[in-house]
Protein backbone atom coordinates (compact mmCIF):
# COMPACT_ATOMS: atom_id res chain seq x y z
CA MET A 1 129.53 69.64 102.12
CA THR A 2 129.26 71.80 105.12
CA THR A 3 126.16 72.48 107.05
CA PHE A 4 125.71 75.92 108.53
CA ASN A 5 123.20 77.12 111.10
CA ILE A 6 122.19 80.42 110.21
CA PRO A 7 119.30 81.55 112.99
CA ASN A 8 118.88 84.90 111.40
CA MET A 9 118.13 83.46 108.16
CA SER A 10 113.89 83.68 108.26
CA CYS A 11 112.70 85.36 104.92
CA GLY A 12 113.43 85.02 101.00
CA HIS A 13 115.29 88.35 101.15
CA CYS A 14 117.55 86.65 103.97
CA LYS A 15 118.24 83.65 101.61
CA ALA A 16 118.87 86.24 98.69
CA THR A 17 121.57 87.79 100.77
CA VAL A 18 122.82 84.84 102.22
CA GLU A 19 123.42 83.27 98.53
CA LYS A 20 124.65 86.40 96.98
CA THR A 21 127.36 86.49 100.08
CA ILE A 22 128.54 83.25 99.31
CA HIS A 23 128.50 83.69 95.38
CA ALA A 24 130.70 86.59 96.00
CA ILE A 25 133.52 84.49 97.40
CA ASP A 26 132.83 81.35 95.57
CA PRO A 27 130.74 81.86 92.18
CA GLU A 28 130.45 78.00 91.71
CA ALA A 29 129.31 77.21 95.35
CA LYS A 30 126.27 74.90 95.30
CA ILE A 31 124.15 76.13 98.21
CA GLU A 32 121.29 73.98 99.78
CA PHE A 33 118.59 75.85 101.97
CA ASP A 34 116.37 74.68 104.50
CA MET A 35 114.25 77.62 105.60
CA ALA A 36 112.48 75.56 108.44
CA SER A 37 115.52 74.76 110.32
CA ARG A 38 117.46 77.97 108.99
CA LYS A 39 120.49 75.95 107.61
CA ILE A 40 122.50 75.43 104.52
CA THR A 41 124.39 72.83 103.26
CA LEU A 42 127.18 74.02 101.08
CA ASP A 43 129.43 72.56 98.42
CA SER A 44 132.29 75.15 97.92
CA ARG A 45 135.94 75.23 97.95
CA THR A 46 136.19 77.93 100.08
CA HIS A 47 137.25 77.41 104.05
CA PRO A 48 134.04 77.24 106.07
CA ASP A 49 135.90 80.13 108.49
CA ASN A 50 135.84 82.56 104.84
CA VAL A 51 132.18 81.54 104.56
CA GLN A 52 131.47 82.56 108.43
CA THR A 53 133.23 85.79 107.84
CA ALA A 54 131.29 86.73 104.96
CA LEU A 55 128.22 85.86 106.03
CA ALA A 56 129.05 87.56 109.59
CA SER A 57 129.85 90.51 107.49
CA ALA A 58 126.41 90.59 105.72
CA GLY A 59 124.50 90.38 109.00
CA TYR A 60 124.00 86.43 109.04
CA PRO A 61 126.55 84.83 111.59
CA ALA A 62 126.56 81.08 110.96
CA THR A 63 127.96 78.19 112.96
CA LEU A 64 128.79 74.80 112.14
CA ALA A 65 126.23 72.17 112.13
């Protein structure tokens, strides 16, 4: 499990975009969202660097928490 801070994630549309972006690179990924703290916890086989690159390309730069 990896936790990411995603400061630009603030609404349901943001959540949907983040989810779609991650599932595009790992359809089996499990994502837990904490919208209040703007964090996700991710269970994925994809390397965190690849997740960060994909999220940044989608407009949601993320840092490891």
